[in-house]
Amino acid sequence: MLIDRCENLKVHLDNAIDSVEAELGLEVKEPSAQREYEPEQT
């Protein structure tokens, strides 16, 4: 059930990222949902 819930929440997270980027006037190649995110190595 947790995986299903995370997949459901991803849609909302992608929409929020797109909204923030638009508000900040950032130019991006594709919407958040079409990008692959990689964890940053520290």
N, C-alpha and C. Protein backbone atom coordinates (compact mmCIF):
# COMPACT_ATOMS: atom_id res chain seq x y z
N MET A 1 0.81 -1.19 0.00
CA MET A 1 0.00 0.00 0.00
C MET A 1 0.86 1.26 0.00
N LEU A 2 2.02 1.20 0.64
CA LEU A 2 2.89 2.36 0.71
C LEU A 2 3.38 2.78 -0.68
N ILE A 3 3.74 1.80 -1.50
CA ILE A 3 4.22 2.10 -2.85
C ILE A 3 3.11 2.75 -3.67
N ASP A 4 1.89 2.24 -3.55
CA ASP A 4 0.76 2.84 -4.26
C ASP A 4 0.54 4.28 -3.82
N ARG A 5 0.64 4.52 -2.52
CA ARG A 5 0.44 5.88 -2.00
C ARG A 5 1.54 6.81 -2.50
N CYS A 6 2.77 6.35 -2.54
CA CYS A 6 3.88 7.17 -3.04
C CYS A 6 3.67 7.52 -4.51
N GLU A 7 3.22 6.56 -5.29
CA GLU A 7 2.95 6.82 -6.71
C GLU A 7 1.84 7.84 -6.87
N ASN A 8 0.83 7.78 -6.02
CA ASN A 8 -0.26 8.75 -6.04
C ASN A 8 0.24 10.14 -5.67
N LEU A 9 1.11 10.22 -4.68
CA LEU A 9 1.63 11.51 -4.23
C LEU A 9 2.59 12.14 -5.24
N LYS A 10 3.25 11.32 -6.05
CA LYS A 10 4.21 11.84 -7.03
C LYS A 10 3.54 12.80 -8.00
N VAL A 11 2.31 12.53 -8.38
CA VAL A 11 1.58 13.42 -9.28
C VAL A 11 1.47 14.81 -8.66
N HIS A 12 1.14 14.86 -7.38
CA HIS A 12 1.01 16.14 -6.69
C HIS A 12 2.36 16.84 -6.54
N LEU A 13 3.39 16.07 -6.27
CA LEU A 13 4.73 16.64 -6.14
C LEU A 13 5.21 17.21 -7.47
N ASP A 14 4.99 16.49 -8.56
CA ASP A 14 5.37 16.99 -9.88
C ASP A 14 4.63 18.30 -10.21
N ASN A 15 3.35 18.35 -9.89
CA ASN A 15 2.58 19.58 -10.13
C ASN A 15 3.13 20.74 -9.31
N ALA A 16 3.49 20.47 -8.07
CA ALA A 16 4.05 21.52 -7.20
C ALA A 16 5.39 22.01 -7.74
N ILE A 17 6.24 21.11 -8.19
CA ILE A 17 7.54 21.49 -8.75
C ILE A 17 7.33 22.36 -9.98
N ASP A 18 6.42 21.95 -10.87
CA ASP A 18 6.15 22.73 -12.08
C ASP A 18 5.62 24.12 -11.73
N SER A 19 4.77 24.22 -10.73
CA SER A 19 4.21 25.51 -10.32
C SER A 19 5.29 26.44 -9.77
N VAL A 20 6.17 25.90 -8.93
CA VAL A 20 7.24 26.70 -8.35
C VAL A 20 8.20 27.17 -9.43
N GLU A 21 8.56 26.28 -10.34
CA GLU A 21 9.47 26.66 -11.43
C GLU A 21 8.85 27.76 -12.30
N ALA A 22 7.55 27.65 -12.58
CA ALA A 22 6.87 28.67 -13.38
C ALA A 22 6.83 30.00 -12.63
N GLU A 23 6.54 29.96 -11.36
CA GLU A 23 6.48 31.19 -10.56
C GLU A 23 7.84 31.88 -10.49
N LEU A 24 8.91 31.08 -10.45
CA LEU A 24 10.25 31.63 -10.39
C LEU A 24 10.77 32.03 -11.77
N GLY A 25 10.03 31.69 -12.81
CA GLY A 25 10.44 32.03 -14.16
C GLY A 25 11.56 31.16 -14.68
N LEU A 26 11.69 29.97 -14.13
CA LEU A 26 12.75 29.06 -14.58
C LEU A 26 12.36 28.40 -15.89
N GLU A 27 13.32 28.34 -16.80
CA GLU A 27 13.09 27.65 -18.06
C GLU A 27 13.63 26.23 -17.95
N VAL A 28 12.77 25.26 -18.13
CA VAL A 28 13.17 23.86 -18.05
C VAL A 28 12.82 23.17 -19.36
N LYS A 29 13.52 22.08 -19.65
CA LYS A 29 13.33 21.38 -20.92
C LYS A 29 12.00 20.63 -20.96
N GLU A 30 11.63 20.00 -19.84
CA GLU A 30 10.39 19.23 -19.82
C GLU A 30 9.74 19.34 -18.44
N PRO A 31 8.46 19.00 -18.37
CA PRO A 31 7.78 19.03 -17.07
C PRO A 31 8.43 18.06 -16.08
N SER A 32 8.20 18.32 -14.82
CA SER A 32 8.80 17.52 -13.76
C SER A 32 8.50 16.02 -13.92
N ALA A 33 7.29 15.69 -14.34
CA ALA A 33 6.90 14.29 -14.46
C ALA A 33 7.71 13.53 -15.51
N GLN A 34 8.32 14.26 -16.44
CA GLN A 34 9.09 13.61 -17.50
C GLN A 34 10.58 13.55 -17.21
N ARG A 35 10.98 14.06 -16.05
CA ARG A 35 12.40 14.05 -15.69
C ARG A 35 12.73 12.85 -14.81
N GLU A 36 13.96 12.41 -14.89
CA GLU A 36 14.45 11.34 -14.01
C GLU A 36 15.30 11.99 -12.94
N TYR A 37 14.92 11.80 -11.70
CA TYR A 37 15.66 12.37 -10.59
C TYR A 37 16.59 11.33 -10.00
N GLU A 38 17.83 11.74 -9.77
CA GLU A 38 18.84 10.86 -9.20
C GLU A 38 19.24 11.40 -7.81
N PRO A 39 19.41 10.52 -6.85
CA PRO A 39 19.87 11.01 -5.55
C PRO A 39 21.26 11.62 -5.68
N GLU A 40 21.49 12.69 -4.97
CA GLU A 40 22.78 13.36 -5.01
C GLU A 40 23.74 12.67 -4.05
N GLN A 41 24.93 12.40 -4.53
CA GLN A 41 25.96 11.77 -3.70
C GLN A 41 26.67 12.84 -2.90
N THR A 42 26.75 12.68 -1.60
CA THR A 42 27.44 13.68 -0.76
C THR A 42 28.68 13.10 -0.16
